[in-house]
């Protein structure tokens, strides 16, 4: 179970690095516009807001990687759990306020990782 929890936490972290890249550096590209369902004009108008949002996704990824590589296993567990819960809350809020699919794209992996992390640390 420990390997599964590590893999799931790493996948959630990598997903948030990818979101960081899309929001901070690729926001006005066709790829990001398709991913987020935005128009060229909207993307141009909201470029700085998206970059700020991307930075927050980067903080989530950094926290998850910190938890994975922390030398103290108990503190690493606490970090993983905290940042996964943050991702889960953000996914719920995003699905209510922005796009329903956020709950599935970001929430389901986070909730699966939370379950795996908790079970691996019983």
PDB file of N, CA and C in Angstrom:
ATOM      1  N   UNK A   1       0.823  -1.199   0.000  1.00  0.00           N
ATOM      2  CA  UNK A   1       0.000   0.000   0.000  1.00  0.00           C
ATOM      3  C   UNK A   1       0.867   1.263   0.000  1.00  0.00           C
ATOM      4  N   UNK A   2       2.058   1.174   0.596  1.00  0.00           N
ATOM      5  CA  UNK A   2       2.949   2.333   0.646  1.00  0.00           C
ATOM      6  C   UNK A   2       3.376   2.752  -0.758  1.00  0.00           C
ATOM      7  N   UNK A   3       3.666   1.783  -1.621  1.00  0.00           N
ATOM      8  CA  UNK A   3       4.063   2.102  -2.993  1.00  0.00           C
ATOM      9  C   UNK A   3       2.906   2.768  -3.728  1.00  0.00           C
ATOM     10  N   UNK A   4       1.701   2.244  -3.558  1.00  0.00           N
ATOM     11  CA  UNK A   4       0.536   2.829  -4.217  1.00  0.00           C
ATOM     12  C   UNK A   4       0.312   4.261  -3.750  1.00  0.00           C
ATOM     13  N   UNK A   5       0.435   4.505  -2.460  1.00  0.00           N
ATOM     14  CA  UNK A   5       0.218   5.861  -1.954  1.00  0.00           C
ATOM     15  C   UNK A   5       1.279   6.819  -2.488  1.00  0.00           C
ATOM     16  N   UNK A   6       2.517   6.364  -2.559  1.00  0.00           N
ATOM     17  CA  UNK A   6       3.596   7.194  -3.103  1.00  0.00           C
ATOM     18  C   UNK A   6       3.344   7.522  -4.568  1.00  0.00           C
ATOM     19  N   UNK A   7       2.929   6.533  -5.336  1.00  0.00           N
ATOM     20  CA  UNK A   7       2.643   6.747  -6.759  1.00  0.00           C
ATOM     21  C   UNK A   7       1.477   7.725  -6.932  1.00  0.00           C
ATOM     22  N   UNK A   8       0.420   7.554  -6.157  1.00  0.00           N
ATOM     23  CA  UNK A   8      -0.742   8.439  -6.289  1.00  0.00           C
ATOM     24  C   UNK A   8      -0.414   9.880  -5.882  1.00  0.00           C
ATOM     25  N   UNK A   9       0.334  10.042  -4.805  1.00  0.00           N
ATOM     26  CA  UNK A   9       0.729  11.394  -4.385  1.00  0.00           C
ATOM     27  C   UNK A   9       1.613  12.026  -5.461  1.00  0.00           C
ATOM     28  N   UNK A  10       2.537  11.255  -6.000  1.00  0.00           N
ATOM     29  CA  UNK A  10       3.412  11.773  -7.061  1.00  0.00           C
ATOM     30  C   UNK A  10       2.605  12.169  -8.293  1.00  0.00           C
ATOM     31  N   UNK A  11       1.609  11.369  -8.649  1.00  0.00           N
ATOM     32  CA  UNK A  11       0.768  11.703  -9.813  1.00  0.00           C
ATOM     33  C   UNK A  11      -0.016  12.999  -9.595  1.00  0.00           C
ATOM     34  N   UNK A  12      -0.546  13.192  -8.390  1.00  0.00           N
ATOM     35  CA  UNK A  12      -1.263  14.432  -8.094  1.00  0.00           C
ATOM     36  C   UNK A  12      -0.293  15.614  -8.164  1.00  0.00           C
ATOM     37  N   UNK A  13       0.912  15.441  -7.639  1.00  0.00           N
ATOM     38  CA  UNK A  13       1.916  16.506  -7.697  1.00  0.00           C
ATOM     39  C   UNK A  13       2.290  16.831  -9.146  1.00  0.00           C
ATOM     40  N   UNK A  14       2.515  15.812  -9.947  1.00  0.00           N
ATOM     41  CA  UNK A  14       2.866  16.019 -11.357  1.00  0.00           C
ATOM     42  C   UNK A  14       1.719  16.696 -12.104  1.00  0.00           C
ATOM     43  N   UNK A  15       0.497  16.297 -11.809  1.00  0.00           N
ATOM     44  CA  UNK A  15      -0.663  16.934 -12.432  1.00  0.00           C
ATOM     45  C   UNK A  15      -0.674  18.436 -12.136  1.00  0.00           C
ATOM     46  N   UNK A  16      -0.323  18.802 -10.917  1.00  0.00           N
ATOM     47  CA  UNK A  16      -0.340  20.218 -10.555  1.00  0.00           C
ATOM     48  C   UNK A  16       0.848  20.983 -11.147  1.00  0.00           C
ATOM     49  N   UNK A  17       1.939  20.309 -11.382  1.00  0.00           N
ATOM     50  CA  UNK A  17       3.036  20.943 -12.126  1.00  0.00           C
ATOM     51  C   UNK A  17       2.572  21.216 -13.557  1.00  0.00           C
ATOM     52  N   UNK A  18       1.881  20.261 -14.147  1.00  0.00           N
ATOM     53  CA  UNK A  18       1.344  20.430 -15.506  1.00  0.00           C
ATOM     54  C   UNK A  18       0.352  21.601 -15.556  1.00  0.00           C
ATOM     55  N   UNK A  19      -0.523  21.688 -14.561  1.00  0.00           N
ATOM     56  CA  UNK A  19      -1.474  22.794 -14.510  1.00  0.00           C
ATOM     57  C   UNK A  19      -0.725  24.111 -14.358  1.00  0.00           C
ATOM     58  N   UNK A  20       0.321  24.135 -13.534  1.00  0.00           N
ATOM     59  CA  UNK A  20       1.153  25.330 -13.398  1.00  0.00           C
ATOM     60  C   UNK A  20       1.680  25.768 -14.754  1.00  0.00           C
ATOM     61  N   UNK A  21       2.236  24.832 -15.505  1.00  0.00           N
ATOM     62  CA  UNK A  21       2.793  25.152 -16.821  1.00  0.00           C
ATOM     63  C   UNK A  21       1.710  25.700 -17.751  1.00  0.00           C
ATOM     64  N   UNK A  22       0.553  25.047 -17.779  1.00  0.00           N
ATOM     65  CA  UNK A  22      -0.545  25.522 -18.624  1.00  0.00           C
ATOM     66  C   UNK A  22      -0.982  26.934 -18.242  1.00  0.00           C
ATOM     67  N   UNK A  23      -1.136  27.183 -16.956  1.00  0.00           N
ATOM     68  CA  UNK A  23      -1.672  28.464 -16.521  1.00  0.00           C
ATOM     69  C   UNK A  23      -0.640  29.588 -16.541  1.00  0.00           C
ATOM     70  N   UNK A  24       0.602  29.271 -16.212  1.00  0.00           N
ATOM     71  CA  UNK A  24       1.610  30.328 -16.137  1.00  0.00           C
ATOM     72  C   UNK A  24       2.283  30.625 -17.480  1.00  0.00           C
ATOM     73  N   UNK A  25       2.491  29.607 -18.281  1.00  0.00           N
ATOM     74  CA  UNK A  25       3.318  29.785 -19.470  1.00  0.00           C
ATOM     75  C   UNK A  25       2.603  29.525 -20.789  1.00  0.00           C
ATOM     76  N   UNK A  26       1.479  28.808 -20.745  1.00  0.00           N
ATOM     77  CA  UNK A  26       0.809  28.426 -21.988  1.00  0.00           C
ATOM     78  C   UNK A  26      -0.634  28.915 -22.060  1.00  0.00           C
ATOM     79  N   UNK A  27      -1.018  29.810 -21.179  1.00  0.00           N
ATOM     80  CA  UNK A  27      -2.412  30.220 -21.043  1.00  0.00           C
ATOM     81  C   UNK A  27      -3.039  30.688 -22.352  1.00  0.00           C
ATOM     82  N   UNK A  28      -2.282  31.369 -23.187  1.00  0.00           N
ATOM     83  CA  UNK A  28      -2.836  31.927 -24.425  1.00  0.00           C
ATOM     84  C   UNK A  28      -2.659  31.003 -25.631  1.00  0.00           C
ATOM     85  N   UNK A  29      -2.192  29.794 -25.407  1.00  0.00           N
ATOM     86  CA  UNK A  29      -2.007  28.845 -26.510  1.00  0.00           C
ATOM     87  C   UNK A  29      -3.298  28.062 -26.767  1.00  0.00           C
ATOM     88  N   UNK A  30      -3.466  27.547 -27.973  1.00  0.00           N
ATOM     89  CA  UNK A  30      -4.647  26.729 -28.268  1.00  0.00           C
ATOM     90  C   UNK A  30      -4.794  25.534 -27.321  1.00  0.00           C
ATOM     91  N   UNK A  31      -3.684  24.940 -26.915  1.00  0.00           N
ATOM     92  CA  UNK A  31      -3.734  23.775 -26.014  1.00  0.00           C
ATOM     93  C   UNK A  31      -4.390  24.138 -24.677  1.00  0.00           C
ATOM     94  N   UNK A  32      -3.961  25.249 -24.089  1.00  0.00           N
ATOM     95  CA  UNK A  32      -4.533  25.672 -22.807  1.00  0.00           C
ATOM     96  C   UNK A  32      -5.971  26.142 -22.985  1.00  0.00           C
ATOM     97  N   UNK A  33      -6.243  26.830 -24.079  1.00  0.00           N
ATOM     98  CA  UNK A  33      -7.613  27.292 -24.323  1.00  0.00           C
ATOM     99  C   UNK A  33      -8.570  26.114 -24.437  1.00  0.00           C
ATOM    100  N   UNK A  34      -8.108  25.053 -25.075  1.00  0.00           N
ATOM    101  CA  UNK A  34      -8.933  23.848 -25.192  1.00  0.00           C
ATOM    102  C   UNK A  34      -9.108  23.188 -23.819  1.00  0.00           C
ATOM    103  N   UNK A  35      -8.025  23.090 -23.069  1.00  0.00           N
ATOM    104  CA  UNK A  35      -8.071  22.437 -21.758  1.00  0.00           C
ATOM    105  C   UNK A  35      -9.011  23.160 -20.788  1.00  0.00           C
ATOM    106  N   UNK A  36      -9.017  24.486 -20.859  1.00  0.00           N
ATOM    107  CA  UNK A  36      -9.811  25.260 -19.910  1.00  0.00           C
ATOM    108  C   UNK A  36     -11.094  25.821 -20.515  1.00  0.00           C
ATOM    109  N   UNK A  37     -11.327  25.551 -21.792  1.00  0.00           N
ATOM    110  CA  UNK A  37     -12.555  26.002 -22.439  1.00  0.00           C
ATOM    111  C   UNK A  37     -12.649  27.516 -22.556  1.00  0.00           C
ATOM    112  N   UNK A  38     -11.545  28.166 -22.884  1.00  0.00           N
ATOM    113  CA  UNK A  38     -11.528  29.618 -22.996  1.00  0.00           C
ATOM    114  C   UNK A  38     -11.344  30.052 -24.445  1.00  0.00           C
ATOM    115  N   UNK A  39     -11.715  31.282 -24.703  1.00  0.00           N
ATOM    116  CA  UNK A  39     -11.498  31.864 -26.029  1.00  0.00           C
ATOM    117  C   UNK A  39     -10.141  32.566 -26.059  1.00  0.00           C
ATOM    118  N   UNK A  40      -9.690  32.880 -27.253  1.00  0.00           N
ATOM    119  CA  UNK A  40      -8.412  33.575 -27.408  1.00  0.00           C
ATOM    120  C   UNK A  40      -8.450  34.925 -26.681  1.00  0.00           C
ATOM    121  N   UNK A  41      -9.543  35.654 -26.845  1.00  0.00           N
ATOM    122  CA  UNK A  41      -9.673  36.966 -26.206  1.00  0.00           C
ATOM    123  C   UNK A  41      -9.710  36.849 -24.681  1.00  0.00           C
ATOM    124  N   UNK A  42     -10.484  35.895 -24.187  1.00  0.00           N
ATOM    125  CA  UNK A  42     -10.557  35.698 -22.732  1.00  0.00           C
ATOM    126  C   UNK A  42      -9.180  35.341 -22.183  1.00  0.00           C
ATOM    127  N   UNK A  43      -8.476  34.450 -22.869  1.00  0.00           N
ATOM    128  CA  UNK A  43      -7.144  34.046 -22.415  1.00  0.00           C
ATOM    129  C   UNK A  43      -6.201  35.249 -22.363  1.00  0.00           C
ATOM    130  N   UNK A  44      -6.261  36.079 -23.371  1.00  0.00           N
ATOM    131  CA  UNK A  44      -5.400  37.264 -23.400  1.00  0.00           C
ATOM    132  C   UNK A  44      -5.762  38.222 -22.258  1.00  0.00           C
ATOM    133  N   UNK A  45      -7.053  38.397 -22.033  1.00  0.00           N
ATOM    134  CA  UNK A  45      -7.521  39.327 -20.996  1.00  0.00           C
ATOM    135  C   UNK A  45      -7.218  38.846 -19.580  1.00  0.00           C
ATOM    136  N   UNK A  46      -7.086  37.550 -19.399  1.00  0.00           N
ATOM    137  CA  UNK A  46      -6.919  36.987 -18.050  1.00  0.00           C
ATOM    138  C   UNK A  46      -5.541  36.361 -17.827  1.00  0.00           C
ATOM    139  N   UNK A  47      -4.606  36.686 -18.691  1.00  0.00           N
ATOM    140  CA  UNK A  47      -3.275  36.062 -18.634  1.00  0.00           C
ATOM    141  C   UNK A  47      -2.612  36.220 -17.254  1.00  0.00           C
ATOM    142  N   UNK A  48      -2.649  37.399 -16.684  1.00  0.00           N
ATOM    143  CA  UNK A  48      -1.986  37.598 -15.389  1.00  0.00           C
ATOM    144  C   UNK A  48      -2.725  36.886 -14.261  1.00  0.00           C
ATOM    145  N   UNK A  49      -4.051  36.818 -14.349  1.00  0.00           N
ATOM    146  CA  UNK A  49      -4.811  36.082 -13.338  1.00  0.00           C
ATOM    147  C   UNK A  49      -4.492  34.593 -13.401  1.00  0.00           C
ATOM    148  N   UNK A  50      -4.396  34.067 -14.605  1.00  0.00           N
ATOM    149  CA  UNK A  50      -4.086  32.645 -14.779  1.00  0.00           C
ATOM    150  C   UNK A  50      -2.691  32.326 -14.257  1.00  0.00           C
ATOM    151  N   UNK A  51      -1.749  33.236 -14.497  1.00  0.00           N
ATOM    152  CA  UNK A  51      -0.385  33.011 -14.003  1.00  0.00           C
ATOM    153  C   UNK A  51      -0.378  32.945 -12.479  1.00  0.00           C
ATOM    154  N   UNK A  52      -1.143  33.800 -11.847  1.00  0.00           N
ATOM    155  CA  UNK A  52      -1.252  33.782 -10.392  1.00  0.00           C
ATOM    156  C   UNK A  52      -1.862  32.465  -9.919  1.00  0.00           C
ATOM    157  N   UNK A  53      -2.895  32.021 -10.591  1.00  0.00           N
ATOM    158  CA  UNK A  53      -3.546  30.752 -10.267  1.00  0.00           C
ATOM    159  C   UNK A  53      -2.570  29.595 -10.463  1.00  0.00           C
ATOM    160  N   UNK A  54      -1.780  29.656 -11.523  1.00  0.00           N
ATOM    161  CA  UNK A  54      -0.790  28.613 -11.774  1.00  0.00           C
ATOM    162  C   UNK A  54       0.244  28.526 -10.662  1.00  0.00           C
ATOM    163  N   UNK A  55       0.619  29.688 -10.134  1.00  0.00           N
ATOM    164  CA  UNK A  55       1.584  29.708  -9.043  1.00  0.00           C
ATOM    165  C   UNK A  55       1.050  28.934  -7.836  1.00  0.00           C
ATOM    166  N   UNK A  56      -0.233  29.109  -7.531  1.00  0.00           N
ATOM    167  CA  UNK A  56      -0.828  28.376  -6.420  1.00  0.00           C
ATOM    168  C   UNK A  56      -0.820  26.865  -6.671  1.00  0.00           C
ATOM    169  N   UNK A  57      -1.053  26.462  -7.898  1.00  0.00           N
ATOM    170  CA  UNK A  57      -0.958  25.037  -8.220  1.00  0.00           C
ATOM    171  C   UNK A  57       0.463  24.538  -8.023  1.00  0.00           C
ATOM    172  N   UNK A  58       1.427  25.387  -8.315  1.00  0.00           N
ATOM    173  CA  UNK A  58       2.822  25.035  -8.075  1.00  0.00           C
ATOM    174  C   UNK A  58       3.118  24.839  -6.600  1.00  0.00           C
ATOM    175  N   UNK A  59       2.517  25.687  -5.758  1.00  0.00           N
ATOM    176  CA  UNK A  59       2.702  25.523  -4.312  1.00  0.00           C
ATOM    177  C   UNK A  59       2.128  24.188  -3.834  1.00  0.00           C
ATOM    178  N   UNK A  60       0.985  23.792  -4.388  1.00  0.00           N
ATOM    179  CA  UNK A  60       0.408  22.495  -4.029  1.00  0.00           C
ATOM    180  C   UNK A  60       1.355  21.365  -4.427  1.00  0.00           C
ATOM    181  N   UNK A  61       1.890  21.441  -5.645  1.00  0.00           N
ATOM    182  CA  UNK A  61       2.827  20.415  -6.111  1.00  0.00           C
ATOM    183  C   UNK A  61       4.076  20.393  -5.232  1.00  0.00           C
ATOM    184  N   UNK A  62       4.611  21.560  -4.909  1.00  0.00           N
ATOM    185  CA  UNK A  62       5.813  21.632  -4.071  1.00  0.00           C
ATOM    186  C   UNK A  62       5.563  21.001  -2.702  1.00  0.00           C
ATOM    187  N   UNK A  63       4.406  21.279  -2.131  1.00  0.00           N
ATOM    188  CA  UNK A  63       4.076  20.699  -0.836  1.00  0.00           C
ATOM    189  C   UNK A  63       3.967  19.188  -0.890  1.00  0.00           C
ATOM    190  N   UNK A  64       3.390  18.678  -1.977  1.00  0.00           N
ATOM    191  CA  UNK A  64       3.263  17.221  -2.122  1.00  0.00           C
ATOM    192  C   UNK A  64       4.637  16.570  -2.307  1.00  0.00           C
ATOM    193  N   UNK A  65       5.489  17.189  -3.119  1.00  0.00           N
ATOM    194  CA  UNK A  65       6.850  16.646  -3.285  1.00  0.00           C
ATOM    195  C   UNK A  65       7.622  16.734  -1.974  1.00  0.00           C
ATOM    196  N   UNK A  66       7.440  17.811  -1.247  1.00  0.00           N
ATOM    197  CA  UNK A  66       8.076  17.962   0.056  1.00  0.00           C
ATOM    198  C   UNK A  66       7.663  16.810   0.968  1.00  0.00           C
ATOM    199  N   UNK A  67       6.376  16.507   0.974  1.00  0.00           N
ATOM    200  CA  UNK A  67       5.881  15.403   1.784  1.00  0.00           C
ATOM    201  C   UNK A  67       6.452  14.058   1.362  1.00  0.00           C
ATOM    202  N   UNK A  68       6.609  13.871   0.060  1.00  0.00           N
ATOM    203  CA  UNK A  68       7.150  12.600  -0.437  1.00  0.00           C
ATOM    204  C   UNK A  68       8.616  12.408  -0.068  1.00  0.00           C
ATOM    205  N   UNK A  69       9.379  13.493  -0.046  1.00  0.00           N
ATOM    206  CA  UNK A  69      10.824  13.371   0.135  1.00  0.00           C
ATOM    207  C   UNK A  69      11.320  13.808   1.511  1.00  0.00           C
ATOM    208  N   UNK A  70      10.415  14.149   2.402  1.00  0.00           N
ATOM    209  CA  UNK A  70      10.841  14.583   3.727  1.00  0.00           C
ATOM    210  C   UNK A  70      11.473  13.403   4.472  1.00  0.00           C
ATOM    211  N   UNK A  71      12.609  13.633   5.127  1.00  0.00           N
ATOM    212  CA  UNK A  71      13.290  12.521   5.806  1.00  0.00           C
ATOM    213  C   UNK A  71      12.549  11.969   7.021  1.00  0.00           C
ATOM    214  N   UNK A  72      11.685  12.760   7.620  1.00  0.00           N
ATOM    215  CA  UNK A  72      10.896  12.291   8.756  1.00  0.00           C
ATOM    216  C   UNK A  72       9.575  11.760   8.210  1.00  0.00           C
ATOM    217  N   UNK A  73       9.395  10.455   8.285  1.00  0.00           N
ATOM    218  CA  UNK A  73       8.208   9.816   7.693  1.00  0.00           C
ATOM    219  C   UNK A  73       6.889  10.366   8.237  1.00  0.00           C
ATOM    220  N   UNK A  74       6.816  10.613   9.534  1.00  0.00           N
ATOM    221  CA  UNK A  74       5.567  11.101  10.120  1.00  0.00           C
ATOM    222  C   UNK A  74       5.261  12.506   9.635  1.00  0.00           C
ATOM    223  N   UNK A  75       6.272  13.364   9.586  1.00  0.00           N
ATOM    224  CA  UNK A  75       6.043  14.720   9.094  1.00  0.00           C
ATOM    225  C   UNK A  75       5.726  14.688   7.598  1.00  0.00           C
ATOM    226  N   UNK A  76       6.379  13.801   6.854  1.00  0.00           N
ATOM    227  CA  UNK A  76       6.072  13.641   5.434  1.00  0.00           C
ATOM    228  C   UNK A  76       4.629  13.219   5.220  1.00  0.00           C
ATOM    229  N   UNK A  77       4.164  12.312   6.047  1.00  0.00           N
ATOM    230  CA  UNK A  77       2.760  11.870   5.997  1.00  0.00           C
ATOM    231  C   UNK A  77       1.823  13.044   6.254  1.00  0.00           C
ATOM    232  N   UNK A  78       2.127  13.832   7.273  1.00  0.00           N
ATOM    233  CA  UNK A  78       1.284  14.987   7.594  1.00  0.00           C
ATOM    234  C   UNK A  78       1.274  16.002   6.446  1.00  0.00           C
ATOM    235  N   UNK A  79       2.427  16.237   5.847  1.00  0.00           N
ATOM    236  CA  UNK A  79       2.493  17.157   4.707  1.00  0.00           C
ATOM    237  C   UNK A  79       1.659  16.645   3.535  1.00  0.00           C
ATOM    238  N   UNK A  80       1.809  15.375   3.229  1.00  0.00           N
ATOM    239  CA  UNK A  80       1.044  14.792   2.123  1.00  0.00           C
ATOM    240  C   UNK A  80      -0.450  14.936   2.374  1.00  0.00           C
ATOM    241  N   UNK A  81      -0.864  14.588   3.563  1.00  0.00           N
ATOM    242  CA  UNK A  81      -2.283  14.657   3.893  1.00  0.00           C
ATOM    243  C   UNK A  81      -2.796  16.095   3.810  1.00  0.00           C
ATOM    244  N   UNK A  82      -2.056  17.035   4.369  1.00  0.00           N
ATOM    245  CA  UNK A  82      -2.474  18.433   4.333  1.00  0.00           C
ATOM    246  C   UNK A  82      -2.630  18.935   2.897  1.00  0.00           C
ATOM    247  N   UNK A  83      -1.610  18.722   2.065  1.00  0.00           N
ATOM    248  CA  UNK A  83      -1.669  19.248   0.706  1.00  0.00           C
ATOM    249  C   UNK A  83      -2.683  18.503  -0.163  1.00  0.00           C
ATOM    250  N   UNK A  84      -2.878  17.216   0.077  1.00  0.00           N
ATOM    251  CA  UNK A  84      -3.932  16.489  -0.649  1.00  0.00           C
ATOM    252  C   UNK A  84      -5.318  17.003  -0.268  1.00  0.00           C
ATOM    253  N   UNK A  85      -5.517  17.297   0.997  1.00  0.00           N
ATOM    254  CA  UNK A  85      -6.798  17.864   1.425  1.00  0.00           C
ATOM    255  C   UNK A  85      -6.998  19.232   0.775  1.00  0.00           C
ATOM    256  N   UNK A  86      -5.937  20.033   0.699  1.00  0.00           N
ATOM    257  CA  UNK A  86      -6.035  21.334   0.012  1.00  0.00           C
ATOM    258  C   UNK A  86      -6.458  21.144  -1.443  1.00  0.00           C
ATOM    259  N   UNK A  87      -5.868  20.167  -2.126  1.00  0.00           N
ATOM    260  CA  UNK A  87      -6.245  19.886  -3.512  1.00  0.00           C
ATOM    261  C   UNK A  87      -7.712  19.464  -3.571  1.00  0.00           C
ATOM    262  N   UNK A  88      -8.134  18.609  -2.658  1.00  0.00           N
ATOM    263  CA  UNK A  88      -9.520  18.152  -2.635  1.00  0.00           C
ATOM    264  C   UNK A  88     -10.506  19.290  -2.412  1.00  0.00           C
ATOM    265  N   UNK A  89     -10.196  20.165  -1.472  1.00  0.00           N
ATOM    266  CA  UNK A  89     -11.067  21.319  -1.209  1.00  0.00           C
ATOM    267  C   UNK A  89     -11.110  22.228  -2.439  1.00  0.00           C
ATOM    268  N   UNK A  90      -9.954  22.476  -3.039  1.00  0.00           N
ATOM    269  CA  UNK A  90      -9.905  23.311  -4.245  1.00  0.00           C
ATOM    270  C   UNK A  90     -10.711  22.679  -5.379  1.00  0.00           C
ATOM    271  N   UNK A  91     -10.660  21.364  -5.498  1.00  0.00           N
ATOM    272  CA  UNK A  91     -11.421  20.674  -6.548  1.00  0.00           C
ATOM    273  C   UNK A  91     -12.921  20.798  -6.313  1.00  0.00           C
ATOM    274  N   UNK A  92     -13.337  20.654  -5.082  1.00  0.00           N
ATOM    275  CA  UNK A  92     -14.762  20.809  -4.768  1.00  0.00           C
ATOM    276  C   UNK A  92     -15.204  22.235  -5.077  1.00  0.00           C
ATOM    277  N   UNK A  93     -14.447  23.204  -4.610  1.00  0.00           N
ATOM    278  CA  UNK A  93     -14.796  24.602  -4.835  1.00  0.00           C
ATOM    279  C   UNK A  93     -14.783  24.929  -6.333  1.00  0.00           C
ATOM    280  N   UNK A  94     -13.764  24.458  -7.030  1.00  0.00           N
ATOM    281  CA  UNK A  94     -13.676  24.695  -8.469  1.00  0.00           C
ATOM    282  C   UNK A  94     -14.820  24.066  -9.240  1.00  0.00           C
ATOM    283  N   UNK A  95     -15.257  22.905  -8.798  1.00  0.00           N
ATOM    284  CA  UNK A  95     -16.360  22.244  -9.497  1.00  0.00           C
ATOM    285  C   UNK A  95     -17.678  22.981  -9.280  1.00  0.00           C
ATOM    286  N   UNK A  96     -17.802  23.657  -8.165  1.00  0.00           N
ATOM    287  CA  UNK A  96     -19.012  24.430  -7.872  1.00  0.00           C
ATOM    288  C   UNK A  96     -18.982  25.779  -8.590  1.00  0.00           C
ATOM    289  N   UNK A  97     -17.817  26.414  -8.622  1.00  0.00           N
ATOM    290  CA  UNK A  97     -17.739  27.788  -9.112  1.00  0.00           C
ATOM    291  C   UNK A  97     -17.249  27.932 -10.547  1.00  0.00           C
ATOM    292  N   UNK A  98     -16.531  26.938 -11.065  1.00  0.00           N
ATOM    293  CA  UNK A  98     -15.930  27.112 -12.386  1.00  0.00           C
ATOM    294  C   UNK A  98     -16.380  26.060 -13.391  1.00  0.00           C
ATOM    295  N   UNK A  99     -16.018  24.810 -13.144  1.00  0.00           N
ATOM    296  CA  UNK A  99     -16.257  23.753 -14.128  1.00  0.00           C
ATOM    297  C   UNK A  99     -16.434  22.427 -13.393  1.00  0.00           C
ATOM    298  N   UNK A 100     -17.523  21.751 -13.645  1.00  0.00           N
ATOM    299  CA  UNK A 100     -17.836  20.497 -12.936  1.00  0.00           C
ATOM    300  C   UNK A 100     -16.735  19.449 -13.074  1.00  0.00           C
ATOM    301  N   UNK A 101     -16.091  19.407 -14.236  1.00  0.00           N
ATOM    302  CA  UNK A 101     -15.084  18.372 -14.493  1.00  0.00           C
ATOM    303  C   UNK A 101     -13.868  18.469 -13.578  1.00  0.00           C
ATOM    304  N   UNK A 102     -13.664  19.620 -12.939  1.00  0.00           N
ATOM    305  CA  UNK A 102     -12.536  19.768 -12.011  1.00  0.00           C
ATOM    306  C   UNK A 102     -12.618  18.731 -10.901  1.00  0.00           C
ATOM    307  N   UNK A 103     -13.830  18.417 -10.468  1.00  0.00           N
ATOM    308  CA  UNK A 103     -14.000  17.436  -9.400  1.00  0.00           C
ATOM    309  C   UNK A 103     -13.435  16.082  -9.821  1.00  0.00           C
ATOM    310  N   UNK A 104     -13.586  15.727 -11.086  1.00  0.00           N
ATOM    311  CA  UNK A 104     -13.099  14.436 -11.570  1.00  0.00           C
ATOM    312  C   UNK A 104     -11.621  14.489 -11.937  1.00  0.00           C
ATOM    313  N   UNK A 105     -11.204  15.572 -12.562  1.00  0.00           N
ATOM    314  CA  UNK A 105      -9.823  15.674 -13.045  1.00  0.00           C
ATOM    315  C   UNK A 105      -8.834  15.867 -11.891  1.00  0.00           C
ATOM    316  N   UNK A 106      -9.195  16.701 -10.919  1.00  0.00           N
ATOM    317  CA  UNK A 106      -8.295  16.962  -9.800  1.00  0.00           C
ATOM    318  C   UNK A 106      -8.757  16.314  -8.494  1.00  0.00           C
ATOM    319  N   UNK A 107     -10.068  16.280  -8.282  1.00  0.00           N
ATOM    320  CA  UNK A 107     -10.588  15.768  -7.022  1.00  0.00           C
ATOM    321  C   UNK A 107     -10.451  14.274  -6.850  1.00  0.00           C
ATOM    322  N   UNK A 108     -10.853  13.518  -7.856  1.00  0.00           N
ATOM    323  CA  UNK A 108     -10.799  12.056  -7.728  1.00  0.00           C
ATOM    324  C   UNK A 108      -9.373  11.559  -7.468  1.00  0.00           C
ATOM    325  N   UNK A 109      -8.357  12.018  -8.222  1.00  0.00           N
ATOM    326  CA  UNK A 109      -6.996  11.577  -7.892  1.00  0.00           C
ATOM    327  C   UNK A 109      -6.580  11.984  -6.468  1.00  0.00           C
ATOM    328  N   UNK A 110      -6.948  13.188  -6.047  1.00  0.00           N
ATOM    329  CA  UNK A 110      -6.584  13.630  -4.698  1.00  0.00           C
ATOM    330  C   UNK A 110      -7.257  12.776  -3.631  1.00  0.00           C
ATOM    331  N   UNK A 111      -8.548  12.497  -3.813  1.00  0.00           N
ATOM    332  CA  UNK A 111      -9.260  11.690  -2.817  1.00  0.00           C
ATOM    333  C   UNK A 111      -8.744  10.248  -2.791  1.00  0.00           C
ATOM    334  N   UNK A 112      -8.390   9.711  -3.969  1.00  0.00           N
ATOM    335  CA  UNK A 112      -7.794   8.366  -4.012  1.00  0.00           C
ATOM    336  C   UNK A 112      -6.457   8.356  -3.294  1.00  0.00           C
ATOM    337  N   UNK A 113      -5.669   9.411  -3.497  1.00  0.00           N
ATOM    338  CA  UNK A 113      -4.362   9.505  -2.830  1.00  0.00           C
ATOM    339  C   UNK A 113      -4.536   9.651  -1.324  1.00  0.00           C
ATOM    340  N   UNK A 114      -5.530  10.440  -0.901  1.00  0.00           N
ATOM    341  CA  UNK A 114      -5.785  10.573   0.546  1.00  0.00           C
ATOM    342  C   UNK A 114      -6.086   9.205   1.163  1.00  0.00           C
ATOM    343  N   UNK A 115      -6.950   8.458   0.522  1.00  0.00           N
ATOM    344  CA  UNK A 115      -7.307   7.128   1.026  1.00  0.00           C
ATOM    345  C   UNK A 115      -6.077   6.224   1.091  1.00  0.00           C
ATOM    346  N   UNK A 116      -5.283   6.235   0.033  1.00  0.00           N
ATOM    347  CA  UNK A 116      -4.082   5.387  -0.002  1.00  0.00           C
ATOM    348  C   UNK A 116      -3.070   5.803   1.056  1.00  0.00           C
ATOM    349  N   UNK A 117      -2.873   7.105   1.231  1.00  0.00           N
ATOM    350  CA  UNK A 117      -1.916   7.589   2.223  1.00  0.00           C
ATOM    351  C   UNK A 117      -2.365   7.208   3.632  1.00  0.00           C
ATOM    352  N   UNK A 118      -3.636   7.384   3.905  1.00  0.00           N
ATOM    353  CA  UNK A 118      -4.148   7.037   5.240  1.00  0.00           C
ATOM    354  C   UNK A 118      -4.020   5.538   5.473  1.00  0.00           C
ATOM    355  N   UNK A 119      -4.423   4.713   4.509  1.00  0.00           N
ATOM    356  CA  UNK A 119      -4.335   3.261   4.677  1.00  0.00           C
ATOM    357  C   UNK A 119      -2.886   2.798   4.808  1.00  0.00           C
ATOM    358  N   UNK A 120      -1.977   3.431   4.096  1.00  0.00           N
ATOM    359  CA  UNK A 120      -0.560   3.036   4.174  1.00  0.00           C
ATOM    360  C   UNK A 120       0.061   3.404   5.507  1.00  0.00           C
ATOM    361  N   UNK A 121      -0.554   4.320   6.215  1.00  0.00           N
ATOM    362  CA  UNK A 121       0.024   4.776   7.470  1.00  0.00           C
ATOM    363  C   UNK A 121      -0.762   4.332   8.700  1.00  0.00           C
ATOM    364  N   UNK A 122      -1.623   3.348   8.542  1.00  0.00           N
ATOM    365  CA  UNK A 122      -2.359   2.811   9.699  1.00  0.00           C
ATOM    366  C   UNK A 122      -1.453   1.954  10.560  1.00  0.00           C
TER     367      UNK A 122
END
